Amino acid sequence: MRTAPEVLKDLVRQARESGIRADYLLFDSWFAFPATIIDLLEQKQQVICMLKAKTKYGYKGFDLTLKELYKNVRKRCGRAKILASVQVGWGKIPVNKLSWPRSSLSALATQKMAGLALDRRRSFR
């Protein structure tokens, strides 16, 4: 029996092979595993995803959960649509932007290839 992230990677590969192109792949935290995102980036697929609350993310030399990160980042004043936004590391993945939208209590991660040389041995914390 294959796991859902394995099926996701195969479906993305099949879609690309059949000519379907997308600038970004949007998915829920259920698929947000570092290995899954690394494989998608290696397929040159940029991602936007919800993140798991209990996972630790590297920020300024510390490993923090989303709740701890949110407590430590500067929030925007007023009625901003994005309350806070930071760059973090997540295992071997540099997350370009981690954002907390006003309309959600969850955080979104965006990852762009933008000249990124992915090295599985290097940590981006």
PDB file of N, CA and C in Angstrom:
ATOM      1  N   MET A   1       0.853  -1.180   0.000  1.00  0.00           N
ATOM      2  CA  MET A   1       0.000   0.000   0.000  1.00  0.00           C
ATOM      3  C   MET A   1       0.896   1.240   0.000  1.00  0.00           C
ATOM      4  N   ARG A   2       0.633   2.167  -0.885  1.00  0.00           N
ATOM      5  CA  ARG A   2       1.422   3.393  -0.992  1.00  0.00           C
ATOM      6  C   ARG A   2       0.825   4.488  -0.121  1.00  0.00           C
ATOM      7  N   THR A   3       1.698   5.364   0.358  1.00  0.00           N
ATOM      8  CA  THR A   3       1.231   6.474   1.182  1.00  0.00           C
ATOM      9  C   THR A   3       0.697   7.597   0.292  1.00  0.00           C
ATOM     10  N   ALA A   4      -0.093   8.471   0.885  1.00  0.00           N
ATOM     11  CA  ALA A   4      -0.662   9.599   0.136  1.00  0.00           C
ATOM     12  C   ALA A   4       0.420  10.511  -0.449  1.00  0.00           C
ATOM     13  N   PRO A   5       1.497  10.850   0.289  1.00  0.00           N
ATOM     14  CA  PRO A   5       2.547  11.673  -0.324  1.00  0.00           C
ATOM     15  C   PRO A   5       3.210  11.007  -1.535  1.00  0.00           C
ATOM     16  N   GLU A   6       3.369   9.673  -1.498  1.00  0.00           N
ATOM     17  CA  GLU A   6       3.935   8.968  -2.652  1.00  0.00           C
ATOM     18  C   GLU A   6       3.010   9.080  -3.856  1.00  0.00           C
ATOM     19  N   VAL A   7       1.722   8.933  -3.623  1.00  0.00           N
ATOM     20  CA  VAL A   7       0.743   9.056  -4.699  1.00  0.00           C
ATOM     21  C   VAL A   7       0.753  10.481  -5.258  1.00  0.00           C
ATOM     22  N   LEU A   8       0.844  11.481  -4.367  1.00  0.00           N
ATOM     23  CA  LEU A   8       0.892  12.884  -4.797  1.00  0.00           C
ATOM     24  C   LEU A   8       2.056  13.118  -5.755  1.00  0.00           C
ATOM     25  N   LYS A   9       3.252  12.649  -5.388  1.00  0.00           N
ATOM     26  CA  LYS A   9       4.434  12.851  -6.235  1.00  0.00           C
ATOM     27  C   LYS A   9       4.243  12.208  -7.606  1.00  0.00           C
ATOM     28  N   ASP A  10       3.678  10.992  -7.629  1.00  0.00           N
ATOM     29  CA  ASP A  10       3.439  10.325  -8.908  1.00  0.00           C
ATOM     30  C   ASP A  10       2.398  11.060  -9.748  1.00  0.00           C
ATOM     31  N   LEU A  11       1.338  11.558  -9.112  1.00  0.00           N
ATOM     32  CA  LEU A  11       0.303  12.292  -9.851  1.00  0.00           C
ATOM     33  C   LEU A  11       0.852  13.583 -10.459  1.00  0.00           C
ATOM     34  N   VAL A  12       1.695  14.279  -9.713  1.00  0.00           N
ATOM     35  CA  VAL A  12       2.311  15.502 -10.234  1.00  0.00           C
ATOM     36  C   VAL A  12       3.207  15.175 -11.423  1.00  0.00           C
ATOM     37  N   ARG A  13       4.010  14.108 -11.291  1.00  0.00           N
ATOM     38  CA  ARG A  13       4.878  13.697 -12.394  1.00  0.00           C
ATOM     39  C   ARG A  13       4.063  13.322 -13.629  1.00  0.00           C
ATOM     40  N   GLN A  14       2.975  12.557 -13.436  1.00  0.00           N
ATOM     41  CA  GLN A  14       2.118  12.157 -14.558  1.00  0.00           C
ATOM     42  C   GLN A  14       1.468  13.375 -15.209  1.00  0.00           C
ATOM     43  N   ALA A  15       1.024  14.330 -14.413  1.00  0.00           N
ATOM     44  CA  ALA A  15       0.397  15.539 -14.963  1.00  0.00           C
ATOM     45  C   ALA A  15       1.402  16.319 -15.801  1.00  0.00           C
ATOM     46  N   ARG A  16       2.622  16.458 -15.301  1.00  0.00           N
ATOM     47  CA  ARG A  16       3.662  17.183 -16.051  1.00  0.00           C
ATOM     48  C   ARG A  16       3.980  16.471 -17.363  1.00  0.00           C
ATOM     49  N   GLU A  17       4.080  15.135 -17.310  1.00  0.00           N
ATOM     50  CA  GLU A  17       4.379  14.354 -18.516  1.00  0.00           C
ATOM     51  C   GLU A  17       3.277  14.454 -19.555  1.00  0.00           C
ATOM     52  N   SER A  18       2.038  14.664 -19.107  1.00  0.00           N
ATOM     53  CA  SER A  18       0.924  14.781 -20.049  1.00  0.00           C
ATOM     54  C   SER A  18       0.698  16.222 -20.516  1.00  0.00           C
ATOM     55  N   GLY A  19       1.592  17.140 -20.108  1.00  0.00           N
ATOM     56  CA  GLY A  19       1.529  18.506 -20.607  1.00  0.00           C
ATOM     57  C   GLY A  19       0.838  19.505 -19.696  1.00  0.00           C
ATOM     58  N   ILE A  20       0.375  19.076 -18.543  1.00  0.00           N
ATOM     59  CA  ILE A  20      -0.268  19.994 -17.610  1.00  0.00           C
ATOM     60  C   ILE A  20       0.821  20.715 -16.823  1.00  0.00           C
ATOM     61  N   ARG A  21       0.790  22.031 -16.839  1.00  0.00           N
ATOM     62  CA  ARG A  21       1.792  22.841 -16.139  1.00  0.00           C
ATOM     63  C   ARG A  21       1.115  23.727 -15.105  1.00  0.00           C
ATOM     64  N   ALA A  22       1.802  23.979 -14.012  1.00  0.00           N
ATOM     65  CA  ALA A  22       1.292  24.874 -12.971  1.00  0.00           C
ATOM     66  C   ALA A  22       2.459  25.658 -12.402  1.00  0.00           C
ATOM     67  N   ASP A  23       2.237  26.933 -12.121  1.00  0.00           N
ATOM     68  CA  ASP A  23       3.291  27.731 -11.497  1.00  0.00           C
ATOM     69  C   ASP A  23       3.541  27.258 -10.071  1.00  0.00           C
ATOM     70  N   TYR A  24       2.480  26.914  -9.355  1.00  0.00           N
ATOM     71  CA  TYR A  24       2.574  26.465  -7.966  1.00  0.00           C
ATOM     72  C   TYR A  24       1.673  25.272  -7.749  1.00  0.00           C
ATOM     73  N   LEU A  25       2.058  24.442  -6.787  1.00  0.00           N
ATOM     74  CA  LEU A  25       1.211  23.352  -6.331  1.00  0.00           C
ATOM     75  C   LEU A  25       0.775  23.708  -4.919  1.00  0.00           C
ATOM     76  N   LEU A  26      -0.515  23.798  -4.690  1.00  0.00           N
ATOM     77  CA  LEU A  26      -1.085  24.164  -3.395  1.00  0.00           C
ATOM     78  C   LEU A  26      -1.615  22.904  -2.718  1.00  0.00           C
ATOM     79  N   PHE A  27      -1.183  22.670  -1.468  1.00  0.00           N
ATOM     80  CA  PHE A  27      -1.702  21.505  -0.760  1.00  0.00           C
ATOM     81  C   PHE A  27      -1.742  21.734   0.739  1.00  0.00           C
ATOM     82  N   ASP A  28      -2.462  20.852   1.414  1.00  0.00           N
ATOM     83  CA  ASP A  28      -2.692  20.942   2.848  1.00  0.00           C
ATOM     84  C   ASP A  28      -1.509  20.367   3.629  1.00  0.00           C
ATOM     85  N   SER A  29      -1.526  20.561   4.925  1.00  0.00           N
ATOM     86  CA  SER A  29      -0.434  20.104   5.784  1.00  0.00           C
ATOM     87  C   SER A  29      -0.301  18.580   5.790  1.00  0.00           C
ATOM     88  N   TRP A  30      -1.334  17.881   5.384  1.00  0.00           N
ATOM     89  CA  TRP A  30      -1.293  16.425   5.362  1.00  0.00           C
ATOM     90  C   TRP A  30      -0.163  15.927   4.459  1.00  0.00           C
ATOM     91  N   PHE A  31       0.175  16.689   3.415  1.00  0.00           N
ATOM     92  CA  PHE A  31       1.226  16.320   2.477  1.00  0.00           C
ATOM     93  C   PHE A  31       2.534  17.060   2.759  1.00  0.00           C
ATOM     94  N   ALA A  32       2.575  17.889   3.774  1.00  0.00           N
ATOM     95  CA  ALA A  32       3.732  18.760   4.028  1.00  0.00           C
ATOM     96  C   ALA A  32       4.828  18.032   4.800  1.00  0.00           C
ATOM     97  N   PHE A  33       5.529  17.169   4.104  1.00  0.00           N
ATOM     98  CA  PHE A  33       6.684  16.471   4.651  1.00  0.00           C
ATOM     99  C   PHE A  33       7.915  16.963   3.898  1.00  0.00           C
ATOM    100  N   PRO A  34       9.048  17.142   4.582  1.00  0.00           N
ATOM    101  CA  PRO A  34      10.243  17.601   3.872  1.00  0.00           C
ATOM    102  C   PRO A  34      10.595  16.748   2.652  1.00  0.00           C
ATOM    103  N   ALA A  35      10.522  15.428   2.773  1.00  0.00           N
ATOM    104  CA  ALA A  35      10.872  14.551   1.644  1.00  0.00           C
ATOM    105  C   ALA A  35       9.949  14.797   0.447  1.00  0.00           C
ATOM    106  N   THR A  36       8.664  14.999   0.708  1.00  0.00           N
ATOM    107  CA  THR A  36       7.708  15.261  -0.370  1.00  0.00           C
ATOM    108  C   THR A  36       8.043  16.571  -1.069  1.00  0.00           C
ATOM    109  N   ILE A  37       8.321  17.597  -0.293  1.00  0.00           N
ATOM    110  CA  ILE A  37       8.617  18.906  -0.879  1.00  0.00           C
ATOM    111  C   ILE A  37       9.939  18.870  -1.639  1.00  0.00           C
ATOM    112  N   ILE A  38      10.941  18.172  -1.114  1.00  0.00           N
ATOM    113  CA  ILE A  38      12.213  18.043  -1.825  1.00  0.00           C
ATOM    114  C   ILE A  38      11.994  17.374  -3.180  1.00  0.00           C
ATOM    115  N   ASP A  39      11.216  16.293  -3.198  1.00  0.00           N
ATOM    116  CA  ASP A  39      10.942  15.608  -4.471  1.00  0.00           C
ATOM    117  C   ASP A  39      10.217  16.513  -5.448  1.00  0.00           C
ATOM    118  N   LEU A  40       9.255  17.292  -4.966  1.00  0.00           N
ATOM    119  CA  LEU A  40       8.535  18.214  -5.846  1.00  0.00           C
ATOM    120  C   LEU A  40       9.461  19.310  -6.378  1.00  0.00           C
ATOM    121  N   LEU A  41      10.350  19.817  -5.531  1.00  0.00           N
ATOM    122  CA  LEU A  41      11.305  20.834  -5.977  1.00  0.00           C
ATOM    123  C   LEU A  41      12.267  20.267  -7.015  1.00  0.00           C
ATOM    124  N   GLU A  42      12.655  19.000  -6.832  1.00  0.00           N
ATOM    125  CA  GLU A  42      13.527  18.355  -7.818  1.00  0.00           C
ATOM    126  C   GLU A  42      12.815  18.177  -9.157  1.00  0.00           C
ATOM    127  N   GLN A  43      11.471  18.105  -9.122  1.00  0.00           N
ATOM    128  CA  GLN A  43      10.680  18.059 -10.356  1.00  0.00           C
ATOM    129  C   GLN A  43      10.432  19.475 -10.894  1.00  0.00           C
ATOM    130  N   LYS A  44      11.085  20.463 -10.287  1.00  0.00           N
ATOM    131  CA  LYS A  44      10.955  21.884 -10.653  1.00  0.00           C
ATOM    132  C   LYS A  44       9.532  22.397 -10.417  1.00  0.00           C
ATOM    133  N   GLN A  45       8.873  21.870  -9.390  1.00  0.00           N
ATOM    134  CA  GLN A  45       7.532  22.301  -9.036  1.00  0.00           C
ATOM    135  C   GLN A  45       7.593  23.152  -7.774  1.00  0.00           C
ATOM    136  N   GLN A  46       7.177  24.406  -7.857  1.00  0.00           N
ATOM    137  CA  GLN A  46       7.131  25.290  -6.696  1.00  0.00           C
ATOM    138  C   GLN A  46       5.880  24.974  -5.890  1.00  0.00           C
ATOM    139  N   VAL A  47       5.964  25.158  -4.565  1.00  0.00           N
ATOM    140  CA  VAL A  47       4.851  24.762  -3.703  1.00  0.00           C
ATOM    141  C   VAL A  47       4.418  25.881  -2.763  1.00  0.00           C
ATOM    142  N   ILE A  48       3.141  25.829  -2.415  1.00  0.00           N
ATOM    143  CA  ILE A  48       2.552  26.619  -1.334  1.00  0.00           C
ATOM    144  C   ILE A  48       1.785  25.605  -0.499  1.00  0.00           C
ATOM    145  N   CYS A  49       2.044  25.575   0.807  1.00  0.00           N
ATOM    146  CA  CYS A  49       1.343  24.572   1.609  1.00  0.00           C
ATOM    147  C   CYS A  49       1.113  25.054   3.030  1.00  0.00           C
ATOM    148  N   MET A  50       0.109  24.482   3.642  1.00  0.00           N
ATOM    149  CA  MET A  50      -0.118  24.662   5.063  1.00  0.00           C
ATOM    150  C   MET A  50       0.943  23.837   5.781  1.00  0.00           C
ATOM    151  N   LEU A  51       1.276  24.227   6.996  1.00  0.00           N
ATOM    152  CA  LEU A  51       2.316  23.520   7.726  1.00  0.00           C
ATOM    153  C   LEU A  51       1.766  22.838   8.967  1.00  0.00           C
ATOM    154  N   LYS A  52       2.490  21.834   9.415  1.00  0.00           N
ATOM    155  CA  LYS A  52       2.102  21.096  10.615  1.00  0.00           C
ATOM    156  C   LYS A  52       2.476  21.912  11.851  1.00  0.00           C
ATOM    157  N   ALA A  53       1.553  22.019  12.783  1.00  0.00           N
ATOM    158  CA  ALA A  53       1.730  22.874  13.958  1.00  0.00           C
ATOM    159  C   ALA A  53       2.835  22.383  14.892  1.00  0.00           C
ATOM    160  N   LYS A  54       3.013  21.077  15.030  1.00  0.00           N
ATOM    161  CA  LYS A  54       3.959  20.550  16.013  1.00  0.00           C
ATOM    162  C   LYS A  54       5.369  20.332  15.463  1.00  0.00           C
ATOM    163  N   THR A  55       5.548  20.495  14.165  1.00  0.00           N
ATOM    164  CA  THR A  55       6.863  20.345  13.563  1.00  0.00           C
ATOM    165  C   THR A  55       7.750  21.518  13.964  1.00  0.00           C
ATOM    166  N   LYS A  56       9.046  21.276  14.102  1.00  0.00           N
ATOM    167  CA  LYS A  56       9.998  22.340  14.455  1.00  0.00           C
ATOM    168  C   LYS A  56      10.582  22.949  13.182  1.00  0.00           C
ATOM    169  N   TYR A  57      10.700  24.279  13.172  1.00  0.00           N
ATOM    170  CA  TYR A  57      11.242  25.025  12.040  1.00  0.00           C
ATOM    171  C   TYR A  57      12.424  25.845  12.523  1.00  0.00           C
ATOM    172  N   GLY A  58      13.494  25.916  11.731  1.00  0.00           N
ATOM    173  CA  GLY A  58      14.690  26.646  12.109  1.00  0.00           C
ATOM    174  C   GLY A  58      14.530  28.136  11.889  1.00  0.00           C
ATOM    175  N   TYR A  59      14.757  28.923  12.931  1.00  0.00           N
ATOM    176  CA  TYR A  59      14.638  30.376  12.853  1.00  0.00           C
ATOM    177  C   TYR A  59      15.688  31.008  13.756  1.00  0.00           C
ATOM    178  N   LYS A  60      16.618  31.735  13.159  1.00  0.00           N
ATOM    179  CA  LYS A  60      17.690  32.427  13.903  1.00  0.00           C
ATOM    180  C   LYS A  60      18.432  31.484  14.851  1.00  0.00           C
ATOM    181  N   GLY A  61      18.712  30.276  14.367  1.00  0.00           N
ATOM    182  CA  GLY A  61      19.484  29.323  15.155  1.00  0.00           C
ATOM    183  C   GLY A  61      18.688  28.493  16.136  1.00  0.00           C
ATOM    184  N   PHE A  62      17.372  28.697  16.213  1.00  0.00           N
ATOM    185  CA  PHE A  62      16.526  27.945  17.144  1.00  0.00           C
ATOM    186  C   PHE A  62      15.542  27.075  16.376  1.00  0.00           C
ATOM    187  N   ASP A  63      15.163  25.961  16.965  1.00  0.00           N
ATOM    188  CA  ASP A  63      14.113  25.100  16.413  1.00  0.00           C
ATOM    189  C   ASP A  63      12.826  25.406  17.166  1.00  0.00           C
ATOM    190  N   LEU A  64      11.838  25.937  16.452  1.00  0.00           N
ATOM    191  CA  LEU A  64      10.597  26.387  17.085  1.00  0.00           C
ATOM    192  C   LEU A  64       9.377  25.802  16.390  1.00  0.00           C
ATOM    193  N   THR A  65       8.306  25.557  17.162  1.00  0.00           N
ATOM    194  CA  THR A  65       7.026  25.172  16.577  1.00  0.00           C
ATOM    195  C   THR A  65       6.382  26.431  15.984  1.00  0.00           C
ATOM    196  N   LEU A  66       5.291  26.264  15.245  1.00  0.00           N
ATOM    197  CA  LEU A  66       4.601  27.422  14.675  1.00  0.00           C
ATOM    198  C   LEU A  66       4.115  28.374  15.758  1.00  0.00           C
ATOM    199  N   LYS A  67       3.617  27.817  16.855  1.00  0.00           N
ATOM    200  CA  LYS A  67       3.129  28.660  17.956  1.00  0.00           C
ATOM    201  C   LYS A  67       4.281  29.472  18.558  1.00  0.00           C
ATOM    202  N   GLU A  68       5.423  28.832  18.775  1.00  0.00           N
ATOM    203  CA  GLU A  68       6.586  29.525  19.318  1.00  0.00           C
ATOM    204  C   GLU A  68       7.111  30.579  18.333  1.00  0.00           C
ATOM    205  N   LEU A  69       7.115  30.226  17.040  1.00  0.00           N
ATOM    206  CA  LEU A  69       7.540  31.179  16.014  1.00  0.00           C
ATOM    207  C   LEU A  69       6.650  32.410  16.023  1.00  0.00           C
ATOM    208  N   TYR A  70       5.349  32.172  16.059  1.00  0.00           N
ATOM    209  CA  TYR A  70       4.388  33.287  16.016  1.00  0.00           C
ATOM    210  C   TYR A  70       4.600  34.227  17.198  1.00  0.00           C
ATOM    211  N   LYS A  71       4.919  33.675  18.369  1.00  0.00           N
ATOM    212  CA  LYS A  71       5.176  34.507  19.554  1.00  0.00           C
ATOM    213  C   LYS A  71       6.426  35.365  19.377  1.00  0.00           C
ATOM    214  N   ASN A  72       7.405  34.867  18.587  1.00  0.00           N
ATOM    215  CA  ASN A  72       8.699  35.537  18.470  1.00  0.00           C
ATOM    216  C   ASN A  72       8.849  36.463  17.273  1.00  0.00           C
ATOM    217  N   VAL A  73       7.875  36.489  16.364  1.00  0.00           N
ATOM    218  CA  VAL A  73       8.014  37.362  15.196  1.00  0.00           C
ATOM    219  C   VAL A  73       7.209  38.641  15.388  1.00  0.00           C
ATOM    220  N   ARG A  74       7.653  39.671  14.711  1.00  0.00           N
ATOM    221  CA  ARG A  74       6.974  40.966  14.789  1.00  0.00           C
ATOM    222  C   ARG A  74       5.707  40.928  13.934  1.00  0.00           C
ATOM    223  N   LYS A  75       4.590  41.319  14.535  1.00  0.00           N
ATOM    224  CA  LYS A  75       3.312  41.341  13.822  1.00  0.00           C
ATOM    225  C   LYS A  75       3.086  42.715  13.197  1.00  0.00           C
ATOM    226  N   ARG A  76       2.347  42.710  12.097  1.00  0.00           N
ATOM    227  CA  ARG A  76       1.996  43.963  11.447  1.00  0.00           C
ATOM    228  C   ARG A  76       0.817  44.602  12.176  1.00  0.00           C
ATOM    229  N   CYS A  77       0.824  45.911  12.204  1.00  0.00           N
ATOM    230  CA  CYS A  77      -0.238  46.660  12.888  1.00  0.00           C
ATOM    231  C   CYS A  77      -1.468  46.797  12.002  1.00  0.00           C
ATOM    232  N   GLY A  78      -2.559  47.152  12.626  1.00  0.00           N
ATOM    233  CA  GLY A  78      -3.775  47.481  11.886  1.00  0.00           C
ATOM    234  C   GLY A  78      -4.465  46.276  11.294  1.00  0.00           C
ATOM    235  N   ARG A  79      -5.021  46.476  10.102  1.00  0.00           N
ATOM    236  CA  ARG A  79      -5.831  45.444   9.464  1.00  0.00           C
ATOM    237  C   ARG A  79      -5.083  44.759   8.320  1.00  0.00           C
ATOM    238  N   ALA A  80      -3.816  44.540   8.491  1.00  0.00           N
ATOM    239  CA  ALA A  80      -3.010  43.894   7.455  1.00  0.00           C
ATOM    240  C   ALA A  80      -3.556  42.503   7.149  1.00  0.00           C
ATOM    241  N   LYS A  81      -3.516  42.113   5.872  1.00  0.00           N
ATOM    242  CA  LYS A  81      -4.003  40.786   5.485  1.00  0.00           C
ATOM    243  C   LYS A  81      -3.039  39.688   5.918  1.00  0.00           C
ATOM    244  N   ILE A  82      -1.753  40.020   5.990  1.00  0.00           N
ATOM    245  CA  ILE A  82      -0.746  39.086   6.483  1.00  0.00           C
ATOM    246  C   ILE A  82      -0.252  39.623   7.831  1.00  0.00           C
ATOM    247  N   LEU A  83      -0.509  38.880   8.908  1.00  0.00           N
ATOM    248  CA  LEU A  83      -0.139  39.340  10.248  1.00  0.00           C
ATOM    249  C   LEU A  83       1.363  39.318  10.474  1.00  0.00           C
ATOM    250  N   ALA A  84       2.025  38.286   9.982  1.00  0.00           N
ATOM    251  CA  ALA A  84       3.468  38.153  10.170  1.00  0.00           C
ATOM    252  C   ALA A  84       4.030  37.297   9.051  1.00  0.00           C
ATOM    253  N   SER A  85       5.306  37.491   8.775  1.00  0.00           N
ATOM    254  CA  SER A  85       5.959  36.748   7.711  1.00  0.00           C
ATOM    255  C   SER A  85       7.452  36.658   8.012  1.00  0.00           C
ATOM    256  N   VAL A  86       8.022  35.450   7.917  1.00  0.00           N
ATOM    257  CA  VAL A  86       9.449  35.245   8.179  1.00  0.00           C
ATOM    258  C   VAL A  86      10.010  34.194   7.235  1.00  0.00           C
ATOM    259  N   GLN A  87      11.335  34.177   7.130  1.00  0.00           N
ATOM    260  CA  GLN A  87      12.014  33.111   6.403  1.00  0.00           C
ATOM    261  C   GLN A  87      12.532  32.112   7.432  1.00  0.00           C
ATOM    262  N   VAL A  88      12.297  30.836   7.160  1.00  0.00           N
ATOM    263  CA  VAL A  88      12.725  29.789   8.087  1.00  0.00           C
ATOM    264  C   VAL A  88      13.380  28.659   7.315  1.00  0.00           C
ATOM    265  N   GLY A  89      14.052  27.779   8.052  1.00  0.00           N
ATOM    266  CA  GLY A  89      14.561  26.543   7.488  1.00  0.00           C
ATOM    267  C   GLY A  89      13.732  25.399   8.017  1.00  0.00           C
ATOM    268  N   TRP A  90      13.648  24.351   7.234  1.00  0.00           N
ATOM    269  CA  TRP A  90      12.845  23.202   7.644  1.00  0.00           C
ATOM    270  C   TRP A  90      13.584  21.959   7.189  1.00  0.00           C
ATOM    271  N   GLY A  91      14.378  21.398   8.073  1.00  0.00           N
ATOM    272  CA  GLY A  91      15.215  20.266   7.678  1.00  0.00           C
ATOM    273  C   GLY A  91      16.216  20.734   6.641  1.00  0.00           C
ATOM    274  N   LYS A  92      16.168  20.138   5.457  1.00  0.00           N
ATOM    275  CA  LYS A  92      17.076  20.511   4.380  1.00  0.00           C
ATOM    276  C   LYS A  92      16.425  21.466   3.389  1.00  0.00           C
ATOM    277  N   ILE A  93      15.262  22.004   3.750  1.00  0.00           N
ATOM    278  CA  ILE A  93      14.514  22.862   2.835  1.00  0.00           C
ATOM    279  C   ILE A  93      14.533  24.302   3.327  1.00  0.00           C
ATOM    280  N   PRO A  94      15.016  25.231   2.514  1.00  0.00           N
ATOM    281  CA  PRO A  94      14.868  26.636   2.882  1.00  0.00           C
ATOM    282  C   PRO A  94      13.474  27.094   2.462  1.00  0.00           C
ATOM    283  N   VAL A  95      12.666  27.498   3.402  1.00  0.00           N
ATOM    284  CA  VAL A  95      11.329  27.992   3.080  1.00  0.00           C
ATOM    285  C   VAL A  95      11.461  29.483   2.826  1.00  0.00           C
ATOM    286  N   ASN A  96      11.113  29.923   1.626  1.00  0.00           N
ATOM    287  CA  ASN A  96      11.271  31.331   1.298  1.00  0.00           C
ATOM    288  C   ASN A  96      10.445  32.219   2.193  1.00  0.00           C
ATOM    289  N   LYS A  97       9.220  31.834   2.466  1.00  0.00           N
ATOM    290  CA  LYS A  97       8.378  32.679   3.294  1.00  0.00           C
ATOM    291  C   LYS A  97       7.386  31.823   4.074  1.00  0.00           C
ATOM    292  N   LEU A  98       7.279  32.127   5.337  1.00  0.00           N
ATOM    293  CA  LEU A  98       6.291  31.511   6.208  1.00  0.00           C
ATOM    294  C   LEU A  98       5.377  32.644   6.654  1.00  0.00           C
ATOM    295  N   SER A  99       4.084  32.562   6.333  1.00  0.00           N
ATOM    296  CA  SER A  99       3.153  33.669   6.580  1.00  0.00           C
ATOM    297  C   SER A  99       1.972  33.215   7.410  1.00  0.00           C
ATOM    298  N   TRP A 100       1.470  34.133   8.223  1.00  0.00           N
ATOM    299  CA  TRP A 100       0.253  33.919   9.002  1.00  0.00           C
ATOM    300  C   TRP A 100      -0.814  34.872   8.475  1.00  0.00           C
ATOM    301  N   PRO A 101      -1.727  34.382   7.617  1.00  0.00           N
ATOM    302  CA  PRO A 101      -2.794  35.249   7.113  1.00  0.00           C
ATOM    303  C   PRO A 101      -3.789  35.583   8.224  1.00  0.00           C
ATOM    304  N   ARG A 102      -4.368  36.785   8.168  1.00  0.00           N
ATOM    305  CA  ARG A 102      -5.344  37.207   9.163  1.00  0.00           C
ATOM    306  C   ARG A 102      -6.558  36.277   9.178  1.00  0.00           C
ATOM    307  N   SER A 103      -6.929  35.748   8.037  1.00  0.00           N
ATOM    308  CA  SER A 103      -8.145  34.938   7.934  1.00  0.00           C
ATOM    309  C   SER A 103      -7.958  33.509   8.444  1.00  0.00           C
ATOM    310  N   SER A 104      -6.755  33.155   8.893  1.00  0.00           N
ATOM    311  CA  SER A 104      -6.503  31.782   9.309  1.00  0.00           C
ATOM    312  C   SER A 104      -5.591  31.767  10.535  1.00  0.00           C
ATOM    313  N   LEU A 105      -5.744  30.750  11.353  1.00  0.00           N
ATOM    314  CA  LEU A 105      -4.854  30.594  12.504  1.00  0.00           C
ATOM    315  C   LEU A 105      -3.641  29.755  12.135  1.00  0.00           C
ATOM    316  N   SER A 106      -3.600  29.262  10.905  1.00  0.00           N
ATOM    317  CA  SER A 106      -2.505  28.410  10.455  1.00  0.00           C
ATOM    318  C   SER A 106      -1.478  29.216   9.687  1.00  0.00           C
ATOM    319  N   ALA A 107      -0.325  28.627   9.488  1.00  0.00           N
ATOM    320  CA  ALA A 107       0.739  29.276   8.728  1.00  0.00           C
ATOM    321  C   ALA A 107       0.845  28.636   7.347  1.00  0.00           C
ATOM    322  N   LEU A 108       1.207  29.449   6.370  1.00  0.00           N
ATOM    323  CA  LEU A 108       1.430  28.989   5.001  1.00  0.00           C
ATOM    324  C   LEU A 108       2.914  29.074   4.692  1.00  0.00           C
ATOM    325  N   ALA A 109       3.424  28.088   3.982  1.00  0.00           N
ATOM    326  CA  ALA A 109       4.812  28.129   3.523  1.00  0.00           C
ATOM    327  C   ALA A 109       4.816  28.268   2.017  1.00  0.00           C
ATOM    328  N   THR A 110       5.691  29.127   1.508  1.00  0.00           N
ATOM    329  CA  THR A 110       5.880  29.215   0.066  1.00  0.00           C
ATOM    330  C   THR A 110       7.328  28.890  -0.236  1.00  0.00           C
ATOM    331  N   GLN A 111       7.542  28.183  -1.311  1.00  0.00           N
ATOM    332  CA  GLN A 111       8.883  27.777  -1.700  1.00  0.00           C
ATOM    333  C   GLN A 111       9.038  27.997  -3.191  1.00  0.00           C
ATOM    334  N   LYS A 112      10.030  28.789  -3.570  1.00  0.00           N
ATOM    335  CA  LYS A 112      10.337  29.017  -4.974  1.00  0.00           C
ATOM    336  C   LYS A 112      11.706  28.453  -5.272  1.00  0.00           C
ATOM    337  N   MET A 113      11.901  27.984  -6.468  1.00  0.00           N
ATOM    338  CA  MET A 113      13.199  27.463  -6.865  1.00  0.00           C
ATOM    339  C   MET A 113      14.204  28.588  -7.071  1.00  0.00           C
ATOM    340  N   ALA A 114      13.812  29.710  -7.539  1.00  0.00           N
ATOM    341  CA  ALA A 114      14.622  30.924  -7.732  1.00  0.00           C
ATOM    342  C   ALA A 114      16.118  30.752  -7.506  1.00  0.00           C
ATOM    343  N   GLY A 115      16.766  30.018  -8.359  1.00  0.00           N
ATOM    344  CA  GLY A 115      18.213  29.862  -8.290  1.00  0.00           C
ATOM    345  C   GLY A 115      18.670  28.950  -7.166  1.00  0.00           C
ATOM    346  N   LEU A 116      17.779  28.187  -6.588  1.00  0.00           N
ATOM    347  CA  LEU A 116      18.098  27.332  -5.455  1.00  0.00           C
ATOM    348  C   LEU A 116      18.798  26.062  -5.930  1.00  0.00           C
ATOM    349  N   ALA A 117      19.950  25.800  -5.375  1.00  0.00           N
ATOM    350  CA  ALA A 117      20.643  24.534  -5.641  1.00  0.00           C
ATOM    351  C   ALA A 117      20.331  23.628  -4.460  1.00  0.00           C
ATOM    352  N   LEU A 118      19.528  22.639  -4.669  1.00  0.00           N
ATOM    353  CA  LEU A 118      19.075  21.773  -3.583  1.00  0.00           C
ATOM    354  C   LEU A 118      20.144  20.736  -3.267  1.00  0.00           C
ATOM    355  N   ASP A 119      20.578  20.699  -2.035  1.00  0.00           N
ATOM    356  CA  ASP A 119      21.604  19.772  -1.588  1.00  0.00           C
ATOM    357  C   ASP A 119      21.055  19.030  -0.377  1.00  0.00           C
ATOM    358  N   ARG A 120      20.819  17.738  -0.513  1.00  0.00           N
ATOM    359  CA  ARG A 120      20.212  16.955   0.569  1.00  0.00           C
ATOM    360  C   ARG A 120      21.096  16.862   1.805  1.00  0.00           C
ATOM    361  N   ARG A 121      22.390  17.089   1.683  1.00  0.00           N
ATOM    362  CA  ARG A 121      23.278  16.958   2.837  1.00  0.00           C
ATOM    363  C   ARG A 121      23.351  18.222   3.651  1.00  0.00           C
ATOM    364  N   ARG A 122      22.922  19.352   3.110  1.00  0.00           N
ATOM    365  CA  ARG A 122      23.090  20.653   3.774  1.00  0.00           C
ATOM    366  C   ARG A 122      21.852  21.015   4.580  1.00  0.00           C
ATOM    367  N   SER A 123      22.048  21.583   5.736  1.00  0.00           N
ATOM    368  CA  SER A 123      20.936  22.071   6.545  1.00  0.00           C
ATOM    369  C   SER A 123      20.833  23.577   6.388  1.00  0.00           C
ATOM    370  N   PHE A 124      19.632  24.105   6.297  1.00  0.00           N
ATOM    371  CA  PHE A 124      19.421  25.524   6.075  1.00  0.00           C
ATOM    372  C   PHE A 124      18.949  26.220   7.331  1.00  0.00           C
ATOM    373  N   ARG A 125      19.345  25.799   8.488  1.00  0.00           N
ATOM    374  CA  ARG A 125      18.888  26.432   9.729  1.00  0.00           C
ATOM    375  C   ARG A 125      19.707  27.639  10.048  1.00  0.00           C
TER     376      ARG A 125
END
